[in-house]
Amino acid sequence: MRLTLIPPKLETSKHRTLLSLNKVTAMMTSTRLQEMEMARRQFNQLFSELMPTRETTWSPAIEFTATEAEFILRAQLPGIAAKDVDVQIGQDTVSISGEHKLEATEAKGLRSEFRYGKFRRVISLPAPVQNDQAKAELKDGILTLTLPRLQAVKPTIVKLNLVESEAQAEETADVWNS
């Protein structure tokens, strides 16, 4: 696009015609660019609808609650079978991963807004858990993990009776000396 600026004093009918042509050319160029952008968007939408099996990684939505005794972690996994879910629990993290596979159909013109492909979510826990005591349930598309908190070892005080220890030590000494 080329614009020519003409000082007002030198403006003639020839210059007015030139300015009008420049404005029309600029508007046509702008319209062509808008049409090309619209065509590009339509092609992108068409290809995204025709290829729903793109490999994408997504994260399931979670809900995390805590009580004094345990953490409860719920994850939305609609339409996903338990065999396609992998849960790993450490003392301070939980990892949920798997894959939601697209079922093969002979239908044409498929449009789907469901999430397909691999998913992964790693959640840091605010406190350590007893990972060997964790429980899991997948029901109605909701994975529920019950994670018991790691109970702090309470210091116990053991009082030793030294009088009995000395008496036992003398008996043991007699056995060894005989």
N, C-alpha and C. Protein backbone atom coordinates (compact mmCIF):
# COMPACT_ATOMS: atom_id res chain seq x y z
N MET A 1 0.85 -1.15 0.00
CA MET A 1 0.00 0.00 0.00
C MET A 1 0.90 1.22 0.00
N ARG A 2 0.58 2.15 -0.87
CA ARG A 2 1.39 3.35 -1.01
C ARG A 2 0.51 4.57 -0.82
N LEU A 3 0.88 5.43 0.07
CA LEU A 3 0.16 6.66 0.29
C LEU A 3 1.07 7.83 -0.05
N THR A 4 0.52 8.77 -0.75
CA THR A 4 1.29 9.96 -1.10
C THR A 4 0.68 11.14 -0.37
N LEU A 5 1.52 11.83 0.36
CA LEU A 5 1.05 13.01 1.09
C LEU A 5 1.37 14.26 0.28
N ILE A 6 0.38 15.08 0.07
CA ILE A 6 0.55 16.29 -0.73
C ILE A 6 0.18 17.48 0.15
N PRO A 7 1.06 18.44 0.21
CA PRO A 7 0.72 19.63 1.01
C PRO A 7 -0.56 20.27 0.49
N PRO A 8 -1.39 20.82 1.37
CA PRO A 8 -2.67 21.39 0.96
C PRO A 8 -2.57 22.46 -0.13
N LYS A 9 -1.52 23.25 -0.18
CA LYS A 9 -1.41 24.33 -1.16
C LYS A 9 -1.20 23.78 -2.57
N LEU A 10 -0.56 22.61 -2.69
CA LEU A 10 -0.26 22.06 -4.00
C LEU A 10 -1.33 21.13 -4.51
N GLU A 11 -2.38 20.95 -3.75
CA GLU A 11 -3.43 19.99 -4.12
C GLU A 11 -4.16 20.47 -5.37
N THR A 12 -4.26 19.55 -6.35
CA THR A 12 -4.97 19.82 -7.59
C THR A 12 -5.96 18.71 -7.80
N SER A 13 -6.71 18.78 -8.88
CA SER A 13 -7.67 17.72 -9.17
C SER A 13 -6.94 16.40 -9.43
N LYS A 14 -5.76 16.47 -10.05
CA LYS A 14 -4.96 15.26 -10.29
C LYS A 14 -4.56 14.62 -8.96
N HIS A 15 -4.16 15.47 -8.04
CA HIS A 15 -3.74 14.95 -6.73
C HIS A 15 -4.93 14.39 -5.96
N ARG A 16 -6.12 15.04 -6.09
CA ARG A 16 -7.31 14.51 -5.41
C ARG A 16 -7.68 13.14 -5.95
N THR A 17 -7.56 12.96 -7.25
CA THR A 17 -7.84 11.66 -7.87
C THR A 17 -6.85 10.61 -7.36
N LEU A 18 -5.57 11.00 -7.27
CA LEU A 18 -4.54 10.09 -6.78
C LEU A 18 -4.83 9.69 -5.33
N LEU A 19 -5.24 10.63 -4.50
CA LEU A 19 -5.57 10.33 -3.10
C LEU A 19 -6.78 9.40 -3.03
N SER A 20 -7.79 9.64 -3.85
CA SER A 20 -8.98 8.78 -3.86
C SER A 20 -8.61 7.37 -4.28
N LEU A 21 -7.77 7.21 -5.28
CA LEU A 21 -7.33 5.88 -5.72
C LEU A 21 -6.56 5.16 -4.61
N ASN A 22 -5.71 5.88 -3.90
CA ASN A 22 -4.96 5.28 -2.79
C ASN A 22 -5.90 4.79 -1.69
N LYS A 23 -6.94 5.55 -1.38
CA LYS A 23 -7.91 5.14 -0.36
C LYS A 23 -8.68 3.90 -0.80
N VAL A 24 -9.09 3.85 -2.05
CA VAL A 24 -9.81 2.69 -2.57
C VAL A 24 -8.90 1.46 -2.55
N THR A 25 -7.64 1.61 -2.96
CA THR A 25 -6.69 0.49 -2.95
C THR A 25 -6.48 0.00 -1.52
N ALA A 26 -6.36 0.91 -0.56
CA ALA A 26 -6.18 0.52 0.84
C ALA A 26 -7.39 -0.24 1.35
N MET A 27 -8.60 0.19 0.99
CA MET A 27 -9.82 -0.51 1.43
C MET A 27 -9.91 -1.88 0.80
N MET A 28 -9.55 -2.01 -0.48
CA MET A 28 -9.60 -3.31 -1.15
C MET A 28 -8.59 -4.27 -0.54
N THR A 29 -7.39 -3.76 -0.24
CA THR A 29 -6.37 -4.60 0.38
C THR A 29 -6.84 -5.07 1.75
N SER A 30 -7.44 -4.17 2.50
CA SER A 30 -7.95 -4.53 3.82
C SER A 30 -9.04 -5.59 3.71
N THR A 31 -9.94 -5.45 2.74
CA THR A 31 -11.00 -6.43 2.54
C THR A 31 -10.44 -7.78 2.15
N ARG A 32 -9.44 -7.79 1.27
CA ARG A 32 -8.81 -9.05 0.86
C ARG A 32 -8.14 -9.74 2.05
N LEU A 33 -7.47 -8.96 2.88
CA LEU A 33 -6.82 -9.55 4.05
C LEU A 33 -7.84 -10.16 5.01
N GLN A 34 -8.96 -9.48 5.19
CA GLN A 34 -10.01 -10.01 6.06
C GLN A 34 -10.59 -11.29 5.49
N GLU A 35 -10.79 -11.33 4.16
CA GLU A 35 -11.31 -12.54 3.52
C GLU A 35 -10.33 -13.69 3.66
N MET A 36 -9.04 -13.42 3.50
CA MET A 36 -8.02 -14.47 3.64
C MET A 36 -7.97 -14.98 5.08
N GLU A 37 -8.09 -14.09 6.05
CA GLU A 37 -8.08 -14.49 7.46
C GLU A 37 -9.30 -15.35 7.77
N MET A 38 -10.47 -14.98 7.23
CA MET A 38 -11.67 -15.77 7.44
C MET A 38 -11.53 -17.17 6.82
N ALA A 39 -10.95 -17.25 5.63
CA ALA A 39 -10.74 -18.55 4.98
C ALA A 39 -9.78 -19.41 5.79
N ARG A 40 -8.71 -18.79 6.33
CA ARG A 40 -7.75 -19.54 7.15
C ARG A 40 -8.43 -20.12 8.39
N ARG A 41 -9.25 -19.33 9.06
CA ARG A 41 -9.97 -19.81 10.25
C ARG A 41 -10.91 -20.97 9.90
N GLN A 42 -11.60 -20.85 8.77
CA GLN A 42 -12.52 -21.91 8.36
C GLN A 42 -11.77 -23.21 8.06
N PHE A 43 -10.61 -23.10 7.39
CA PHE A 43 -9.81 -24.30 7.12
C PHE A 43 -9.31 -24.92 8.42
N ASN A 44 -8.84 -24.11 9.36
CA ASN A 44 -8.38 -24.64 10.65
C ASN A 44 -9.51 -25.35 11.39
N GLN A 45 -10.70 -24.77 11.39
CA GLN A 45 -11.84 -25.39 12.07
C GLN A 45 -12.21 -26.70 11.39
N LEU A 46 -12.21 -26.71 10.05
CA LEU A 46 -12.53 -27.92 9.30
C LEU A 46 -11.55 -29.05 9.63
N PHE A 47 -10.26 -28.75 9.62
CA PHE A 47 -9.27 -29.78 9.90
C PHE A 47 -9.33 -30.26 11.35
N SER A 48 -9.62 -29.34 12.28
CA SER A 48 -9.71 -29.77 13.68
C SER A 48 -10.91 -30.67 13.89
N GLU A 49 -12.00 -30.45 13.15
CA GLU A 49 -13.19 -31.31 13.28
C GLU A 49 -12.98 -32.66 12.62
N LEU A 50 -12.21 -32.70 11.55
CA LEU A 50 -11.97 -33.95 10.84
C LEU A 50 -10.94 -34.83 11.53
N MET A 51 -10.12 -34.26 12.38
CA MET A 51 -9.05 -35.01 13.01
C MET A 51 -9.17 -34.95 14.53
N PRO A 52 -10.19 -35.61 15.11
CA PRO A 52 -10.38 -35.52 16.56
C PRO A 52 -9.40 -36.37 17.36
N THR A 53 -8.58 -37.17 16.71
CA THR A 53 -7.69 -38.07 17.43
C THR A 53 -6.29 -37.48 17.62
N ARG A 54 -6.16 -36.18 17.51
CA ARG A 54 -4.85 -35.57 17.74
C ARG A 54 -4.33 -35.99 19.10
N GLU A 55 -3.04 -36.25 19.15
CA GLU A 55 -2.43 -36.61 20.43
C GLU A 55 -2.22 -35.35 21.25
N THR A 56 -3.00 -35.20 22.27
CA THR A 56 -2.83 -34.07 23.17
C THR A 56 -2.84 -34.59 24.59
N THR A 57 -2.13 -33.92 25.44
CA THR A 57 -2.12 -34.28 26.85
C THR A 57 -2.99 -33.27 27.58
N TRP A 58 -3.87 -33.77 28.40
CA TRP A 58 -4.75 -32.90 29.16
C TRP A 58 -4.71 -33.30 30.62
N SER A 59 -5.22 -32.45 31.48
CA SER A 59 -5.22 -32.70 32.92
C SER A 59 -6.65 -32.78 33.42
N PRO A 60 -6.97 -33.84 34.16
CA PRO A 60 -8.32 -33.93 34.71
C PRO A 60 -8.52 -32.91 35.83
N ALA A 61 -9.76 -32.47 35.99
CA ALA A 61 -10.10 -31.56 37.08
C ALA A 61 -10.10 -32.34 38.39
N ILE A 62 -9.66 -31.69 39.46
CA ILE A 62 -9.59 -32.37 40.76
C ILE A 62 -10.33 -31.57 41.83
N GLU A 63 -10.60 -32.27 42.92
CA GLU A 63 -11.18 -31.67 44.13
C GLU A 63 -10.39 -32.27 45.29
N PHE A 64 -9.87 -31.42 46.16
CA PHE A 64 -9.01 -31.88 47.25
C PHE A 64 -9.58 -31.39 48.57
N THR A 65 -9.82 -32.33 49.50
CA THR A 65 -10.30 -31.97 50.83
C THR A 65 -9.42 -32.65 51.87
N ALA A 66 -9.45 -32.12 53.07
CA ALA A 66 -8.62 -32.68 54.14
C ALA A 66 -9.39 -32.72 55.45
N THR A 67 -9.12 -33.78 56.20
CA THR A 67 -9.60 -33.87 57.58
C THR A 67 -8.36 -34.05 58.45
N GLU A 68 -8.58 -34.20 59.74
CA GLU A 68 -7.42 -34.41 60.62
C GLU A 68 -6.74 -35.74 60.35
N ALA A 69 -7.50 -36.73 59.90
CA ALA A 69 -6.96 -38.08 59.74
C ALA A 69 -6.53 -38.41 58.31
N GLU A 70 -7.12 -37.72 57.30
CA GLU A 70 -6.84 -38.13 55.92
C GLU A 70 -7.07 -37.00 54.93
N PHE A 71 -6.54 -37.21 53.72
CA PHE A 71 -6.81 -36.35 52.57
C PHE A 71 -7.73 -37.12 51.64
N ILE A 72 -8.63 -36.43 50.98
CA ILE A 72 -9.49 -37.06 49.98
C ILE A 72 -9.30 -36.29 48.68
N LEU A 73 -8.86 -37.02 47.67
CA LEU A 73 -8.61 -36.44 46.36
C LEU A 73 -9.57 -37.07 45.37
N ARG A 74 -10.34 -36.21 44.68
CA ARG A 74 -11.29 -36.70 43.67
C ARG A 74 -10.88 -36.11 42.33
N ALA A 75 -10.90 -36.94 41.28
CA ALA A 75 -10.55 -36.49 39.93
C ALA A 75 -11.65 -36.90 38.96
N GLN A 76 -12.00 -35.99 38.06
CA GLN A 76 -13.02 -36.28 37.05
C GLN A 76 -12.37 -37.03 35.89
N LEU A 77 -12.84 -38.26 35.66
CA LEU A 77 -12.35 -39.08 34.56
C LEU A 77 -13.54 -39.71 33.84
N PRO A 78 -14.42 -38.91 33.24
CA PRO A 78 -15.63 -39.46 32.62
C PRO A 78 -15.31 -40.33 31.41
N GLY A 79 -15.96 -41.49 31.35
CA GLY A 79 -15.81 -42.38 30.21
C GLY A 79 -14.51 -43.14 30.16
N ILE A 80 -13.72 -43.10 31.21
CA ILE A 80 -12.43 -43.77 31.21
C ILE A 80 -12.51 -45.01 32.09
N ALA A 81 -12.08 -46.14 31.53
CA ALA A 81 -12.12 -47.41 32.25
C ALA A 81 -10.98 -47.45 33.27
N ALA A 82 -11.19 -48.21 34.34
CA ALA A 82 -10.18 -48.33 35.39
C ALA A 82 -8.87 -48.91 34.85
N LYS A 83 -8.95 -49.76 33.85
CA LYS A 83 -7.74 -50.37 33.29
C LYS A 83 -6.88 -49.35 32.54
N ASP A 84 -7.46 -48.21 32.18
CA ASP A 84 -6.73 -47.18 31.44
C ASP A 84 -6.19 -46.08 32.35
N VAL A 85 -6.28 -46.28 33.68
CA VAL A 85 -5.84 -45.27 34.64
C VAL A 85 -4.68 -45.83 35.46
N ASP A 86 -3.63 -45.02 35.64
CA ASP A 86 -2.48 -45.39 36.46
C ASP A 86 -2.36 -44.37 37.59
N VAL A 87 -2.38 -44.85 38.82
CA VAL A 87 -2.26 -43.97 39.99
C VAL A 87 -1.01 -44.37 40.75
N GLN A 88 -0.15 -43.40 41.01
CA GLN A 88 1.06 -43.63 41.80
C GLN A 88 1.05 -42.66 42.97
N ILE A 89 1.26 -43.21 44.16
CA ILE A 89 1.19 -42.39 45.37
C ILE A 89 2.53 -42.48 46.10
N GLY A 90 3.15 -41.33 46.27
CA GLY A 90 4.35 -41.22 47.09
C GLY A 90 3.94 -40.69 48.45
N GLN A 91 4.91 -40.39 49.29
CA GLN A 91 4.54 -39.84 50.60
C GLN A 91 4.06 -38.40 50.51
N ASP A 92 4.51 -37.67 49.47
CA ASP A 92 4.11 -36.27 49.38
C ASP A 92 3.54 -35.86 48.02
N THR A 93 3.34 -36.82 47.10
CA THR A 93 2.76 -36.51 45.80
C THR A 93 1.84 -37.64 45.33
N VAL A 94 0.90 -37.27 44.46
CA VAL A 94 0.03 -38.23 43.81
C VAL A 94 0.10 -37.96 42.31
N SER A 95 0.28 -39.02 41.53
CA SER A 95 0.32 -38.88 40.07
C SER A 95 -0.80 -39.73 39.48
N ILE A 96 -1.64 -39.08 38.66
CA ILE A 96 -2.74 -39.77 37.97
C ILE A 96 -2.47 -39.62 36.48
N SER A 97 -2.41 -40.73 35.76
CA SER A 97 -2.17 -40.66 34.33
C SER A 97 -2.93 -41.78 33.64
N GLY A 98 -3.01 -41.68 32.33
CA GLY A 98 -3.69 -42.70 31.55
C GLY A 98 -4.02 -42.19 30.17
N GLU A 99 -5.00 -42.85 29.56
CA GLU A 99 -5.39 -42.46 28.20
C GLU A 99 -6.87 -42.71 27.99
N HIS A 100 -7.53 -41.74 27.38
CA HIS A 100 -8.93 -41.88 26.99
C HIS A 100 -8.92 -42.10 25.48
N LYS A 101 -9.27 -43.33 25.09
CA LYS A 101 -9.18 -43.71 23.69
C LYS A 101 -10.49 -43.45 22.96
N LEU A 102 -10.36 -42.99 21.71
CA LEU A 102 -11.51 -42.75 20.85
C LEU A 102 -11.96 -44.09 20.29
N GLU A 103 -13.23 -44.40 20.46
CA GLU A 103 -13.77 -45.65 19.94
C GLU A 103 -13.93 -45.53 18.43
N ALA A 104 -13.48 -46.56 17.70
CA ALA A 104 -13.58 -46.55 16.25
C ALA A 104 -15.03 -46.75 15.83
N THR A 105 -15.52 -45.85 14.97
CA THR A 105 -16.88 -45.96 14.45
C THR A 105 -16.83 -45.77 12.94
N GLU A 106 -17.86 -46.22 12.29
CA GLU A 106 -17.94 -46.05 10.85
C GLU A 106 -18.75 -44.81 10.49
N ALA A 107 -19.18 -44.05 11.46
CA ALA A 107 -19.95 -42.85 11.21
C ALA A 107 -19.07 -41.78 10.57
N LYS A 108 -19.67 -40.99 9.70
CA LYS A 108 -18.94 -39.91 9.04
C LYS A 108 -19.43 -38.59 9.58
N GLY A 109 -18.61 -37.57 9.42
CA GLY A 109 -19.00 -36.26 9.90
C GLY A 109 -18.97 -36.16 11.41
N LEU A 110 -17.99 -36.81 12.03
CA LEU A 110 -17.89 -36.84 13.49
C LEU A 110 -17.54 -35.47 14.04
N ARG A 111 -18.27 -35.06 15.06
CA ARG A 111 -17.94 -33.86 15.82
C ARG A 111 -17.96 -34.26 17.28
N SER A 112 -16.86 -34.03 17.94
CA SER A 112 -16.78 -34.41 19.35
C SER A 112 -16.09 -33.32 20.14
N GLU A 113 -16.64 -33.00 21.28
CA GLU A 113 -16.02 -32.05 22.18
C GLU A 113 -15.48 -32.75 23.42
N PHE A 114 -15.50 -34.09 23.39
CA PHE A 114 -14.93 -34.87 24.48
C PHE A 114 -13.41 -34.78 24.43
N ARG A 115 -12.78 -35.03 25.57
CA ARG A 115 -11.32 -35.03 25.62
C ARG A 115 -10.82 -36.45 25.36
N TYR A 116 -9.97 -36.57 24.36
CA TYR A 116 -9.35 -37.85 24.05
C TYR A 116 -7.85 -37.68 24.11
N GLY A 117 -7.16 -38.79 24.27
CA GLY A 117 -5.70 -38.75 24.30
C GLY A 117 -5.19 -39.02 25.70
N LYS A 118 -3.91 -38.78 25.86
CA LYS A 118 -3.25 -39.05 27.14
C LYS A 118 -3.53 -37.91 28.11
N PHE A 119 -3.60 -38.29 29.39
CA PHE A 119 -3.78 -37.28 30.43
C PHE A 119 -2.80 -37.57 31.55
N ARG A 120 -2.48 -36.50 32.29
CA ARG A 120 -1.56 -36.64 33.42
C ARG A 120 -1.79 -35.47 34.37
N ARG A 121 -1.77 -35.78 35.65
CA ARG A 121 -1.91 -34.75 36.68
C ARG A 121 -1.07 -35.18 37.87
N VAL A 122 -0.21 -34.31 38.34
CA VAL A 122 0.62 -34.56 39.52
C VAL A 122 0.21 -33.54 40.58
N ILE A 123 -0.14 -34.04 41.75
CA ILE A 123 -0.62 -33.18 42.83
C ILE A 123 0.35 -33.29 44.01
N SER A 124 0.84 -32.16 44.47
CA SER A 124 1.69 -32.14 45.67
C SER A 124 0.79 -32.11 46.89
N LEU A 125 1.11 -32.94 47.85
CA LEU A 125 0.31 -33.02 49.08
C LEU A 125 0.90 -32.08 50.13
N PRO A 126 0.05 -31.49 50.96
CA PRO A 126 0.54 -30.55 51.98
C PRO A 126 1.24 -31.23 53.15
N ALA A 127 1.06 -32.52 53.30
CA ALA A 127 1.70 -33.26 54.40
C ALA A 127 1.91 -34.71 53.94
N PRO A 128 2.84 -35.42 54.54
CA PRO A 128 3.09 -36.81 54.14
C PRO A 128 1.89 -37.72 54.43
N VAL A 129 1.75 -38.76 53.60
CA VAL A 129 0.66 -39.72 53.77
C VAL A 129 1.23 -41.13 53.90
N GLN A 130 0.39 -42.02 54.42
CA GLN A 130 0.75 -43.44 54.50
C GLN A 130 0.33 -44.06 53.16
N ASN A 131 1.24 -44.04 52.19
CA ASN A 131 0.87 -44.47 50.85
C ASN A 131 0.51 -45.96 50.77
N ASP A 132 0.99 -46.76 51.70
CA ASP A 132 0.65 -48.19 51.68
C ASP A 132 -0.77 -48.45 52.23
N GLN A 133 -1.39 -47.43 52.82
CA GLN A 133 -2.74 -47.57 53.36
C GLN A 133 -3.79 -46.85 52.50
N ALA A 134 -3.39 -46.31 51.35
CA ALA A 134 -4.31 -45.55 50.50
C ALA A 134 -5.36 -46.46 49.88
N LYS A 135 -6.54 -45.87 49.61
CA LYS A 135 -7.64 -46.61 48.98
C LYS A 135 -8.10 -45.83 47.76
N ALA A 136 -8.51 -46.56 46.70
CA ALA A 136 -8.97 -45.92 45.47
C ALA A 136 -10.28 -46.53 45.02
N GLU A 137 -11.14 -45.68 44.42
CA GLU A 137 -12.41 -46.15 43.87
C GLU A 137 -12.72 -45.30 42.64
N LEU A 138 -13.08 -45.97 41.54
CA LEU A 138 -13.50 -45.28 40.32
C LEU A 138 -14.96 -45.62 40.09
N LYS A 139 -15.82 -44.61 40.29
CA LYS A 139 -17.26 -44.85 40.17
C LYS A 139 -17.90 -43.64 39.50
N ASP A 140 -18.72 -43.89 38.49
CA ASP A 140 -19.45 -42.85 37.77
C ASP A 140 -18.53 -41.75 37.23
N GLY A 141 -17.35 -42.15 36.76
CA GLY A 141 -16.42 -41.19 36.17
C GLY A 141 -15.64 -40.35 37.17
N ILE A 142 -15.74 -40.68 38.45
CA ILE A 142 -15.02 -39.94 39.50
C ILE A 142 -14.06 -40.90 40.20
N LEU A 143 -12.78 -40.59 40.14
CA LEU A 143 -11.76 -41.35 40.87
C LEU A 143 -11.63 -40.72 42.25
N THR A 144 -11.84 -41.53 43.29
CA THR A 144 -11.72 -41.04 44.67
C THR A 144 -10.56 -41.75 45.34
N LEU A 145 -9.60 -40.97 45.81
CA LEU A 145 -8.45 -41.52 46.54
C LEU A 145 -8.55 -41.07 47.99
N THR A 146 -8.48 -42.03 48.91
CA THR A 146 -8.48 -41.74 50.33
C THR A 146 -7.06 -41.99 50.82
N LEU A 147 -6.42 -40.93 51.30
CA LEU A 147 -5.01 -40.98 51.67
C LEU A 147 -4.84 -40.67 53.15
N PRO A 148 -4.62 -41.70 53.99
CA PRO A 148 -4.45 -41.45 55.42
C PRO A 148 -3.17 -40.65 55.69
N ARG A 149 -3.28 -39.68 56.54
CA ARG A 149 -2.11 -38.88 56.91
C ARG A 149 -1.10 -39.74 57.66
N LEU A 150 0.15 -39.42 57.49
CA LEU A 150 1.20 -40.11 58.23
C LEU A 150 1.17 -39.59 59.65
N GLN A 151 0.92 -40.49 60.59
CA GLN A 151 0.84 -40.11 61.99
C GLN A 151 2.25 -39.95 62.54
N ALA A 152 2.47 -38.84 63.17
CA ALA A 152 3.78 -38.58 63.76
C ALA A 152 4.02 -39.58 64.89
N VAL A 153 5.22 -40.05 64.95
CA VAL A 153 5.57 -40.99 66.01
C VAL A 153 5.67 -40.20 67.31
N LYS A 154 4.80 -40.57 68.25
CA LYS A 154 4.80 -39.88 69.53
C LYS A 154 5.91 -40.47 70.39
N PRO A 155 6.70 -39.60 70.99
CA PRO A 155 7.77 -40.12 71.83
C PRO A 155 7.17 -40.80 73.06
N THR A 156 7.57 -42.03 73.28
CA THR A 156 7.09 -42.75 74.47
C THR A 156 8.25 -42.85 75.45
N ILE A 157 7.91 -42.72 76.67
CA ILE A 157 8.93 -42.78 77.71
C ILE A 157 8.82 -44.14 78.39
N VAL A 158 9.93 -44.83 78.40
CA VAL A 158 9.99 -46.14 79.04
C VAL A 158 10.91 -46.01 80.24
N LYS A 159 10.38 -46.35 81.39
CA LYS A 159 11.18 -46.28 82.61
C LYS A 159 11.75 -47.65 82.89
N LEU A 160 13.03 -47.70 83.05
CA LEU A 160 13.70 -48.95 83.35
C LEU A 160 13.92 -49.05 84.86
N ASN A 161 13.66 -50.24 85.38
CA ASN A 161 13.85 -50.49 86.79
C ASN A 161 15.26 -51.05 86.97
N LEU A 162 16.14 -50.25 87.49
CA LEU A 162 17.54 -50.66 87.62
C LEU A 162 17.74 -51.72 88.71
N VAL A 163 16.88 -51.78 89.71
CA VAL A 163 17.00 -52.76 90.78
C VAL A 163 16.82 -54.15 90.20
N GLU A 164 15.80 -54.32 89.36
CA GLU A 164 15.56 -55.63 88.75
C GLU A 164 16.67 -55.97 87.78
N SER A 165 17.20 -54.97 87.09
CA SER A 165 18.28 -55.21 86.13
C SER A 165 19.53 -55.69 86.84
N GLU A 166 19.83 -55.11 88.01
CA GLU A 166 21.01 -55.52 88.74
C GLU A 166 20.85 -56.95 89.27
N ALA A 167 19.62 -57.31 89.72
CA ALA A 167 19.38 -58.66 90.23
C ALA A 167 19.53 -59.67 89.09
N GLN A 168 19.03 -59.33 87.91
CA GLN A 168 19.15 -60.24 86.77
C GLN A 168 20.61 -60.36 86.34
N ALA A 169 21.34 -59.27 86.44
CA ALA A 169 22.76 -59.29 86.06
C ALA A 169 23.54 -60.20 87.00
N GLU A 170 23.23 -60.21 88.31
CA GLU A 170 23.91 -61.09 89.25
C GLU A 170 23.60 -62.55 88.97
N GLU A 171 22.33 -62.85 88.62
CA GLU A 171 21.96 -64.23 88.29
C GLU A 171 22.70 -64.69 87.05
N THR A 172 22.82 -63.81 86.06
CA THR A 172 23.51 -64.16 84.83
C THR A 172 24.99 -64.38 85.12
N ALA A 173 25.57 -63.56 85.98
CA ALA A 173 26.99 -63.70 86.32
C ALA A 173 27.23 -65.03 87.01
N ASP A 174 26.30 -65.48 87.88
CA ASP A 174 26.46 -66.77 88.57
C ASP A 174 26.45 -67.91 87.59
N VAL A 175 25.62 -67.82 86.56
CA VAL A 175 25.53 -68.88 85.57
C VAL A 175 26.83 -68.98 84.79
N TRP A 176 27.43 -67.87 84.46
CA TRP A 176 28.65 -67.86 83.67
C TRP A 176 29.85 -68.29 84.52
N ASN A 177 29.82 -68.07 85.80
CA ASN A 177 30.94 -68.40 86.65
C ASN A 177 30.96 -69.86 87.07
N SER A 178 29.90 -70.57 86.92
CA SER A 178 29.88 -71.93 87.39
C SER A 178 30.47 -72.90 86.42
